[in-house]
PDB file of all heavy atoms in Angstrom:
ATOM      1  N   SER A   1     -80.777 -41.654  38.840  1.00  0.00           N
ATOM      2  CA  SER A   1     -81.416 -42.844  38.300  1.00  0.00           C
ATOM      3  C   SER A   1     -82.076 -42.536  36.975  1.00  0.00           C
ATOM      4  O   SER A   1     -82.345 -41.386  36.648  1.00  0.00           O
ATOM      5  CB  SER A   1     -82.447 -43.397  39.279  1.00  0.00           C
ATOM      6  OG  SER A   1     -83.504 -42.483  39.458  1.00  0.00           O
ATOM      7  N   THR A   2     -82.301 -43.583  36.242  1.00  0.00           N
ATOM      8  CA  THR A   2     -83.021 -43.459  34.988  1.00  0.00           C
ATOM      9  C   THR A   2     -83.734 -44.771  34.712  1.00  0.00           C
ATOM     10  O   THR A   2     -83.415 -45.797  35.302  1.00  0.00           O
ATOM     11  CB  THR A   2     -82.077 -43.070  33.834  1.00  0.00           C
ATOM     12  OG1 THR A   2     -82.852 -42.667  32.719  1.00  0.00           O
ATOM     13  CG2 THR A   2     -81.155 -44.201  33.453  1.00  0.00           C
ATOM     14  N   ILE A   3     -84.700 -44.726  33.833  1.00  0.00           N
ATOM     15  CA  ILE A   3     -85.513 -45.892  33.527  1.00  0.00           C
ATOM     16  C   ILE A   3     -85.058 -46.478  32.197  1.00  0.00           C
ATOM     17  O   ILE A   3     -84.860 -45.758  31.224  1.00  0.00           O
ATOM     18  CB  ILE A   3     -87.007 -45.511  33.470  1.00  0.00           C
ATOM     19  CG1 ILE A   3     -87.440 -44.958  34.829  1.00  0.00           C
ATOM     20  CG2 ILE A   3     -87.860 -46.703  33.068  1.00  0.00           C
ATOM     21  CD1 ILE A   3     -88.792 -44.303  34.821  1.00  0.00           C
ATOM     22  N   PHE A   4     -84.923 -47.785  32.182  1.00  0.00           N
ATOM     23  CA  PHE A   4     -84.476 -48.533  31.023  1.00  0.00           C
ATOM     24  C   PHE A   4     -85.664 -49.342  30.507  1.00  0.00           C
ATOM     25  O   PHE A   4     -86.149 -50.228  31.194  1.00  0.00           O
ATOM     26  CB  PHE A   4     -83.325 -49.447  31.459  1.00  0.00           C
ATOM     27  CG  PHE A   4     -82.780 -50.345  30.398  1.00  0.00           C
ATOM     28  CD1 PHE A   4     -82.439 -49.855  29.157  1.00  0.00           C
ATOM     29  CD2 PHE A   4     -82.554 -51.682  30.678  1.00  0.00           C
ATOM     30  CE1 PHE A   4     -81.897 -50.687  28.191  1.00  0.00           C
ATOM     31  CE2 PHE A   4     -82.017 -52.524  29.723  1.00  0.00           C
ATOM     32  CZ  PHE A   4     -81.687 -52.022  28.481  1.00  0.00           C
ATOM     33  N   HIS A   5     -86.141 -49.033  29.321  1.00  0.00           N
ATOM     34  CA  HIS A   5     -87.343 -49.683  28.799  1.00  0.00           C
ATOM     35  C   HIS A   5     -87.045 -50.837  27.855  1.00  0.00           C
ATOM     36  O   HIS A   5     -87.941 -51.576  27.501  1.00  0.00           O
ATOM     37  CB  HIS A   5     -88.227 -48.671  28.073  1.00  0.00           C
ATOM     38  CG  HIS A   5     -88.885 -47.704  28.996  1.00  0.00           C
ATOM     39  ND1 HIS A   5     -89.997 -48.025  29.746  1.00  0.00           N
ATOM     40  CD2 HIS A   5     -88.571 -46.433  29.307  1.00  0.00           C
ATOM     41  CE1 HIS A   5     -90.345 -46.986  30.470  1.00  0.00           C
ATOM     42  NE2 HIS A   5     -89.503 -46.008  30.228  1.00  0.00           N
ATOM     43  N   GLY A   6     -85.829 -51.015  27.424  1.00  0.00           N
ATOM     44  CA  GLY A   6     -85.533 -52.000  26.398  1.00  0.00           C
ATOM     45  C   GLY A   6     -85.269 -53.402  26.909  1.00  0.00           C
ATOM     46  O   GLY A   6     -84.432 -54.105  26.361  1.00  0.00           O
ATOM     47  N   THR A   7     -85.986 -53.834  27.932  1.00  0.00           N
ATOM     48  CA  THR A   7     -85.669 -55.124  28.520  1.00  0.00           C
ATOM     49  C   THR A   7     -86.400 -56.283  27.882  1.00  0.00           C
ATOM     50  O   THR A   7     -85.957 -57.411  27.975  1.00  0.00           O
ATOM     51  CB  THR A   7     -86.018 -55.141  30.025  1.00  0.00           C
ATOM     52  OG1 THR A   7     -87.428 -55.061  30.178  1.00  0.00           O
ATOM     53  CG2 THR A   7     -85.329 -54.018  30.763  1.00  0.00           C
ATOM     54  N   GLY A   8     -87.533 -56.047  27.283  1.00  0.00           N
ATOM     55  CA  GLY A   8     -88.323 -57.140  26.757  1.00  0.00           C
ATOM     56  C   GLY A   8     -89.181 -57.811  27.815  1.00  0.00           C
ATOM     57  O   GLY A   8     -90.023 -58.640  27.505  1.00  0.00           O
ATOM     58  N   ILE A   9     -88.968 -57.483  29.083  1.00  0.00           N
ATOM     59  CA  ILE A   9     -89.765 -58.078  30.161  1.00  0.00           C
ATOM     60  C   ILE A   9     -90.510 -57.026  30.963  1.00  0.00           C
ATOM     61  O   ILE A   9     -91.683 -57.170  31.227  1.00  0.00           O
ATOM     62  CB  ILE A   9     -88.913 -58.965  31.100  1.00  0.00           C
ATOM     63  CG1 ILE A   9     -87.652 -58.247  31.550  1.00  0.00           C
ATOM     64  CG2 ILE A   9     -88.595 -60.282  30.449  1.00  0.00           C
ATOM     65  CD1 ILE A   9     -86.804 -58.998  32.545  1.00  0.00           C
ATOM     66  N   ALA A  10     -89.834 -55.984  31.359  1.00  0.00           N
ATOM     67  CA  ALA A  10     -90.440 -54.920  32.162  1.00  0.00           C
ATOM     68  C   ALA A  10     -89.451 -53.763  32.221  1.00  0.00           C
ATOM     69  O   ALA A  10     -88.253 -53.964  32.071  1.00  0.00           O
ATOM     70  CB  ALA A  10     -90.732 -55.421  33.580  1.00  0.00           C
ATOM     71  N   PRO A  11     -89.945 -52.553  32.449  1.00  0.00           N
ATOM     72  CA  PRO A  11     -88.998 -51.451  32.629  1.00  0.00           C
ATOM     73  C   PRO A  11     -88.145 -51.684  33.875  1.00  0.00           C
ATOM     74  O   PRO A  11     -88.607 -52.271  34.856  1.00  0.00           O
ATOM     75  CB  PRO A  11     -89.889 -50.229  32.834  1.00  0.00           C
ATOM     76  CG  PRO A  11     -91.249 -50.629  32.428  1.00  0.00           C
ATOM     77  CD  PRO A  11     -91.326 -52.118  32.555  1.00  0.00           C
ATOM     78  N   LEU A  12     -86.915 -51.253  33.815  1.00  0.00           N
ATOM     79  CA  LEU A  12     -86.012 -51.321  34.957  1.00  0.00           C
ATOM     80  C   LEU A  12     -85.577 -49.913  35.314  1.00  0.00           C
ATOM     81  O   LEU A  12     -85.331 -49.102  34.433  1.00  0.00           O
ATOM     82  CB  LEU A  12     -84.763 -52.145  34.624  1.00  0.00           C
ATOM     83  CG  LEU A  12     -84.952 -53.626  34.357  1.00  0.00           C
ATOM     84  CD1 LEU A  12     -83.653 -54.240  33.849  1.00  0.00           C
ATOM     85  CD2 LEU A  12     -85.414 -54.335  35.613  1.00  0.00           C
ATOM     86  N   THR A  13     -85.480 -49.647  36.594  1.00  0.00           N
ATOM     87  CA  THR A  13     -84.905 -48.394  37.057  1.00  0.00           C
ATOM     88  C   THR A  13     -83.512 -48.691  37.581  1.00  0.00           C
ATOM     89  O   THR A  13     -83.339 -49.564  38.434  1.00  0.00           O
ATOM     90  CB  THR A  13     -85.763 -47.769  38.174  1.00  0.00           C
ATOM     91  OG1 THR A  13     -87.057 -47.486  37.648  1.00  0.00           O
ATOM     92  CG2 THR A  13     -85.143 -46.475  38.676  1.00  0.00           C
ATOM     93  N   VAL A  14     -82.532 -48.008  37.044  1.00  0.00           N
ATOM     94  CA  VAL A  14     -81.145 -48.167  37.485  1.00  0.00           C
ATOM     95  C   VAL A  14     -80.764 -46.924  38.267  1.00  0.00           C
ATOM     96  O   VAL A  14     -80.969 -45.795  37.808  1.00  0.00           O
ATOM     97  CB  VAL A  14     -80.190 -48.366  36.293  1.00  0.00           C
ATOM     98  CG1 VAL A  14     -78.740 -48.453  36.757  1.00  0.00           C
ATOM     99  CG2 VAL A  14     -80.578 -49.625  35.513  1.00  0.00           C
ATOM    100  N   THR A  15     -80.216 -47.140  39.446  1.00  0.00           N
ATOM    101  CA  THR A  15     -79.804 -46.045  40.317  1.00  0.00           C
ATOM    102  C   THR A  15     -78.305 -46.141  40.559  1.00  0.00           C
ATOM    103  O   THR A  15     -77.765 -47.239  40.742  1.00  0.00           O
ATOM    104  CB  THR A  15     -80.546 -46.123  41.667  1.00  0.00           C
ATOM    105  OG1 THR A  15     -81.946 -46.159  41.410  1.00  0.00           O
ATOM    106  CG2 THR A  15     -80.239 -44.925  42.535  1.00  0.00           C
ATOM    107  N   ALA A  16     -77.653 -45.006  40.557  1.00  0.00           N
ATOM    108  CA  ALA A  16     -76.214 -44.961  40.800  1.00  0.00           C
ATOM    109  C   ALA A  16     -75.917 -43.863  41.808  1.00  0.00           C
ATOM    110  O   ALA A  16     -76.647 -42.881  41.926  1.00  0.00           O
ATOM    111  CB  ALA A  16     -75.460 -44.693  39.510  1.00  0.00           C
ATOM    112  N   GLU A  17     -74.846 -44.075  42.523  1.00  0.00           N
ATOM    113  CA  GLU A  17     -74.324 -43.066  43.437  1.00  0.00           C
ATOM    114  C   GLU A  17     -72.831 -43.005  43.192  1.00  0.00           C
ATOM    115  O   GLU A  17     -72.134 -44.023  43.283  1.00  0.00           O
ATOM    116  CB  GLU A  17     -74.620 -43.455  44.879  1.00  0.00           C
ATOM    117  CG  GLU A  17     -74.241 -42.382  45.871  1.00  0.00           C
ATOM    118  CD  GLU A  17     -74.689 -42.724  47.285  1.00  0.00           C
ATOM    119  OE1 GLU A  17     -75.716 -43.400  47.452  1.00  0.00           O
ATOM    120  OE2 GLU A  17     -73.984 -42.310  48.212  1.00  0.00           O
ATOM    121  N   ASP A  18     -72.362 -41.828  42.857  1.00  0.00           N
ATOM    122  CA  ASP A  18     -70.970 -41.651  42.453  1.00  0.00           C
ATOM    123  C   ASP A  18     -70.694 -42.602  41.288  1.00  0.00           C
ATOM    124  O   ASP A  18     -71.393 -42.567  40.307  1.00  0.00           O
ATOM    125  CB  ASP A  18     -70.023 -41.848  43.638  1.00  0.00           C
ATOM    126  CG  ASP A  18     -70.306 -40.849  44.769  1.00  0.00           C
ATOM    127  OD1 ASP A  18     -70.550 -39.668  44.460  1.00  0.00           O
ATOM    128  OD2 ASP A  18     -70.314 -41.264  45.941  1.00  0.00           O
ATOM    129  N   ASP A  19     -69.722 -43.472  41.412  1.00  0.00           N
ATOM    130  CA  ASP A  19     -69.394 -44.391  40.321  1.00  0.00           C
ATOM    131  C   ASP A  19     -69.829 -45.818  40.631  1.00  0.00           C
ATOM    132  O   ASP A  19     -69.196 -46.778  40.164  1.00  0.00           O
ATOM    133  CB  ASP A  19     -67.883 -44.355  40.043  1.00  0.00           C
ATOM    134  CG  ASP A  19     -67.454 -43.025  39.440  1.00  0.00           C
ATOM    135  OD1 ASP A  19     -68.254 -42.426  38.688  1.00  0.00           O
ATOM    136  OD2 ASP A  19     -66.327 -42.578  39.708  1.00  0.00           O
ATOM    137  N   TYR A  20     -70.891 -45.989  41.404  1.00  0.00           N
ATOM    138  CA  TYR A  20     -71.369 -47.315  41.799  1.00  0.00           C
ATOM    139  C   TYR A  20     -72.841 -47.475  41.462  1.00  0.00           C
ATOM    140  O   TYR A  20     -73.635 -46.554  41.641  1.00  0.00           O
ATOM    141  CB  TYR A  20     -71.202 -47.519  43.312  1.00  0.00           C
ATOM    142  CG  TYR A  20     -69.769 -47.508  43.756  1.00  0.00           C
ATOM    143  CD1 TYR A  20     -69.178 -46.328  44.194  1.00  0.00           C
ATOM    144  CD2 TYR A  20     -69.009 -48.669  43.735  1.00  0.00           C
ATOM    145  CE1 TYR A  20     -67.856 -46.314  44.602  1.00  0.00           C
ATOM    146  CE2 TYR A  20     -67.694 -48.662  44.134  1.00  0.00           C
ATOM    147  CZ  TYR A  20     -67.113 -47.478  44.566  1.00  0.00           C
ATOM    148  OH  TYR A  20     -65.806 -47.470  44.964  1.00  0.00           O
ATOM    149  N   ILE A  21     -73.197 -48.685  41.044  1.00  0.00           N
ATOM    150  CA  ILE A  21     -74.606 -49.024  40.879  1.00  0.00           C
ATOM    151  C   ILE A  21     -75.143 -49.349  42.266  1.00  0.00           C
ATOM    152  O   ILE A  21     -74.576 -50.172  42.989  1.00  0.00           O
ATOM    153  CB  ILE A  21     -74.785 -50.226  39.925  1.00  0.00           C
ATOM    154  CG1 ILE A  21     -74.280 -49.876  38.523  1.00  0.00           C
ATOM    155  CG2 ILE A  21     -76.236 -50.696  39.900  1.00  0.00           C
ATOM    156  CD1 ILE A  21     -75.004 -48.732  37.857  1.00  0.00           C
ATOM    157  N   THR A  22     -76.228 -48.693  42.645  1.00  0.00           N
ATOM    158  CA  THR A  22     -76.829 -48.916  43.961  1.00  0.00           C
ATOM    159  C   THR A  22     -78.196 -49.579  43.866  1.00  0.00           C
ATOM    160  O   THR A  22     -78.726 -50.042  44.867  1.00  0.00           O
ATOM    161  CB  THR A  22     -76.973 -47.595  44.735  1.00  0.00           C
ATOM    162  OG1 THR A  22     -77.766 -46.693  43.951  1.00  0.00           O
ATOM    163  CG2 THR A  22     -75.611 -46.983  45.032  1.00  0.00           C
ATOM    164  N   GLY A  23     -78.762 -49.611  42.667  1.00  0.00           N
ATOM    165  CA  GLY A  23     -80.070 -50.232  42.544  1.00  0.00           C
ATOM    166  C   GLY A  23     -80.432 -50.558  41.114  1.00  0.00           C
ATOM    167  O   GLY A  23     -80.118 -49.803  40.194  1.00  0.00           O
ATOM    168  N   ILE A  24     -81.049 -51.723  40.938  1.00  0.00           N
ATOM    169  CA  ILE A  24     -81.716 -52.088  39.692  1.00  0.00           C
ATOM    170  C   ILE A  24     -83.034 -52.689  40.135  1.00  0.00           C
ATOM    171  O   ILE A  24     -83.062 -53.697  40.838  1.00  0.00           O
ATOM    172  CB  ILE A  24     -80.904 -53.074  38.840  1.00  0.00           C
ATOM    173  CG1 ILE A  24     -79.568 -52.449  38.429  1.00  0.00           C
ATOM    174  CG2 ILE A  24     -81.715 -53.510  37.611  1.00  0.00           C
ATOM    175  CD1 ILE A  24     -78.652 -53.378  37.660  1.00  0.00           C
ATOM    176  N   ASP A  25     -84.104 -52.052  39.741  1.00  0.00           N
ATOM    177  CA  ASP A  25     -85.411 -52.418  40.267  1.00  0.00           C
ATOM    178  C   ASP A  25     -86.424 -52.515  39.144  1.00  0.00           C
ATOM    179  O   ASP A  25     -86.360 -51.773  38.174  1.00  0.00           O
ATOM    180  CB  ASP A  25     -85.852 -51.348  41.268  1.00  0.00           C
ATOM    181  CG  ASP A  25     -86.882 -51.837  42.247  1.00  0.00           C
ATOM    182  OD1 ASP A  25     -87.775 -52.602  41.846  1.00  0.00           O
ATOM    183  OD2 ASP A  25     -86.804 -51.430  43.405  1.00  0.00           O
TER     184      ASP A  25
END
C-alpha cells in the first residue's frame, strides 16, 4: 500500500495484492 496525497479532499491509502486493487481508504 501507499498513500496518495494529491486528492484535493483527503489523503487516500491504496492497497494492492498481486495485480488487484484491494483497498482505497
